[in-house]
Amino acid sequence: MKEVFQYTPKGVCSRALVFEIEDGKVTGFEAVGGCSGNLRGIGRLLKGRDIDEVIEVLEGTTCGMKPTSCPDQIAQALKAYKQK
């Protein structure tokens, strides 16, 4: 069954991250705010990927001097999804 999960990221320009998830895989992604082109591209790369794989690849990515980034916040969002 397909689920929709929304997450409010912290420390980045994006205001919301919205995922469609089915059978442990990301089937859709949309970001509200942030760098539109980059986040649309990341969304295309996420489609069909296992949640754990996405977390492993994106967690810890930083943006400039910030301790986080939109990719890191995607990983944090998916970790929060798994904990719910």
C-alpha atoms as a PDB file:
ATOM      1  CA  MET A   1       0.000   0.000   0.000  1.00  0.00           C
ATOM      2  CA  LYS A   2       1.324   3.435  -0.979  1.00  0.00           C
ATOM      3  CA  GLU A   3       1.817   5.896   1.883  1.00  0.00           C
ATOM      4  CA  VAL A   4       2.422   9.634   1.821  1.00  0.00           C
ATOM      5  CA  PHE A   5       4.851  10.963   4.437  1.00  0.00           C
ATOM      6  CA  GLN A   6       5.608  14.644   5.008  1.00  0.00           C
ATOM      7  CA  TYR A   7       8.608  15.920   6.946  1.00  0.00           C
ATOM      8  CA  THR A   8       9.601  19.434   8.010  1.00  0.00           C
ATOM      9  CA  PRO A   9      13.369  19.748   7.453  1.00  0.00           C
ATOM     10  CA  LYS A  10      15.649  21.657   9.796  1.00  0.00           C
ATOM     11  CA  GLY A  11      18.532  23.975   8.889  1.00  0.00           C
ATOM     12  CA  VAL A  12      17.886  24.107   5.131  1.00  0.00           C
ATOM     13  CA  CYS A  13      15.941  26.256   2.665  1.00  0.00           C
ATOM     14  CA  SER A  14      13.291  23.623   1.958  1.00  0.00           C
ATOM     15  CA  ARG A  15      10.127  24.019   4.020  1.00  0.00           C
ATOM     16  CA  ALA A  16       8.700  20.523   3.504  1.00  0.00           C
ATOM     17  CA  LEU A  17       9.723  17.170   2.055  1.00  0.00           C
ATOM     18  CA  VAL A  18       6.924  14.932   0.814  1.00  0.00           C
ATOM     19  CA  PHE A  19       7.486  11.260   0.008  1.00  0.00           C
ATOM     20  CA  GLU A  20       5.380   8.544  -1.544  1.00  0.00           C
ATOM     21  CA  ILE A  21       6.531   5.210  -0.150  1.00  0.00           C
ATOM     22  CA  GLU A  22       5.464   1.702  -1.094  1.00  0.00           C
ATOM     23  CA  ASP A  23       6.956  -1.619   0.050  1.00  0.00           C
ATOM     24  CA  GLY A  24      10.013   0.066   1.586  1.00  0.00           C
ATOM     25  CA  LYS A  25      10.829   2.025  -1.572  1.00  0.00           C
ATOM     26  CA  VAL A  26      10.508   5.694  -2.474  1.00  0.00           C
ATOM     27  CA  THR A  27       8.022   5.946  -5.341  1.00  0.00           C
ATOM     28  CA  GLY A  28       7.671   9.735  -5.374  1.00  0.00           C
ATOM     29  CA  PHE A  29       9.294  12.822  -3.879  1.00  0.00           C
ATOM     30  CA  GLU A  30       8.566  16.539  -3.811  1.00  0.00           C
ATOM     31  CA  ALA A  31      10.254  19.376  -1.938  1.00  0.00           C
ATOM     32  CA  VAL A  32       8.575  22.653  -1.069  1.00  0.00           C
ATOM     33  CA  GLY A  33      11.121  25.456  -1.303  1.00  0.00           C
ATOM     34  CA  GLY A  34      14.844  25.013  -1.696  1.00  0.00           C
ATOM     35  CA  CYS A  35      16.813  24.705  -4.930  1.00  0.00           C
ATOM     36  CA  SER A  36      14.086  23.570  -7.287  1.00  0.00           C
ATOM     37  CA  GLY A  37      16.200  22.056 -10.067  1.00  0.00           C
ATOM     38  CA  ASN A  38      18.531  20.211  -7.725  1.00  0.00           C
ATOM     39  CA  LEU A  39      15.691  18.814  -5.637  1.00  0.00           C
ATOM     40  CA  ARG A  40      13.681  17.730  -8.697  1.00  0.00           C
ATOM     41  CA  GLY A  41      16.805  15.922  -9.920  1.00  0.00           C
ATOM     42  CA  ILE A  42      17.323  14.259  -6.539  1.00  0.00           C
ATOM     43  CA  GLY A  43      13.649  13.244  -6.587  1.00  0.00           C
ATOM     44  CA  ARG A  44      14.155  11.468  -9.909  1.00  0.00           C
ATOM     45  CA  LEU A  45      17.183   9.639  -8.503  1.00  0.00           C
ATOM     46  CA  LEU A  46      15.205   8.525  -5.448  1.00  0.00           C
ATOM     47  CA  LYS A  47      12.376   6.841  -7.361  1.00  0.00           C
ATOM     48  CA  GLY A  48      12.412   3.084  -6.955  1.00  0.00           C
ATOM     49  CA  ARG A  49      15.215   3.118  -4.377  1.00  0.00           C
ATOM     50  CA  ASP A  50      15.056   1.287  -1.084  1.00  0.00           C
ATOM     51  CA  ILE A  51      14.702   3.586   1.939  1.00  0.00           C
ATOM     52  CA  ASP A  52      17.779   2.132   3.665  1.00  0.00           C
ATOM     53  CA  GLU A  53      19.894   2.665   0.542  1.00  0.00           C
ATOM     54  CA  VAL A  54      18.811   6.321   0.333  1.00  0.00           C
ATOM     55  CA  ILE A  55      19.651   6.880   3.998  1.00  0.00           C
ATOM     56  CA  GLU A  56      23.072   5.261   3.594  1.00  0.00           C
ATOM     57  CA  VAL A  57      23.962   7.329   0.528  1.00  0.00           C
ATOM     58  CA  LEU A  58      22.633  10.751   1.608  1.00  0.00           C
ATOM     59  CA  GLU A  59      23.103  10.906   5.385  1.00  0.00           C
ATOM     60  CA  GLY A  60      25.890  13.238   6.472  1.00  0.00           C
ATOM     61  CA  THR A  61      25.961  15.344   3.298  1.00  0.00           C
ATOM     62  CA  THR A  62      26.657  18.970   4.191  1.00  0.00           C
ATOM     63  CA  CYS A  63      26.012  22.261   2.381  1.00  0.00           C
ATOM     64  CA  GLY A  64      28.798  24.801   2.646  1.00  0.00           C
ATOM     65  CA  MET A  65      29.436  25.543   6.307  1.00  0.00           C
ATOM     66  CA  LYS A  66      26.075  24.119   7.399  1.00  0.00           C
ATOM     67  CA  PRO A  67      26.139  20.816   9.299  1.00  0.00           C
ATOM     68  CA  THR A  68      23.277  19.518   7.134  1.00  0.00           C
ATOM     69  CA  SER A  69      21.841  19.804   3.609  1.00  0.00           C
ATOM     70  CA  CYS A  70      18.669  18.921   1.735  1.00  0.00           C
ATOM     71  CA  PRO A  71      20.077  15.444   0.915  1.00  0.00           C
ATOM     72  CA  ASP A  72      20.941  14.918   4.600  1.00  0.00           C
ATOM     73  CA  GLN A  73      17.453  16.071   5.573  1.00  0.00           C
ATOM     74  CA  ILE A  74      15.973  13.568   3.119  1.00  0.00           C
ATOM     75  CA  ALA A  75      17.902  10.872   4.982  1.00  0.00           C
ATOM     76  CA  GLN A  76      16.689  12.229   8.333  1.00  0.00           C
ATOM     77  CA  ALA A  77      13.112  12.270   7.034  1.00  0.00           C
ATOM     78  CA  LEU A  78      13.313   8.642   5.942  1.00  0.00           C
ATOM     79  CA  LYS A  79      14.811   7.673   9.304  1.00  0.00           C
ATOM     80  CA  ALA A  80      11.853   9.392  10.994  1.00  0.00           C
ATOM     81  CA  TYR A  81       9.468   7.525   8.668  1.00  0.00           C
ATOM     82  CA  LYS A  82      11.008   4.199   9.673  1.00  0.00           C
ATOM     83  CA  GLN A  83      10.627   5.054  13.379  1.00  0.00           C
ATOM     84  CA  LYS A  84       6.936   5.904  13.156  1.00  0.00           C
END
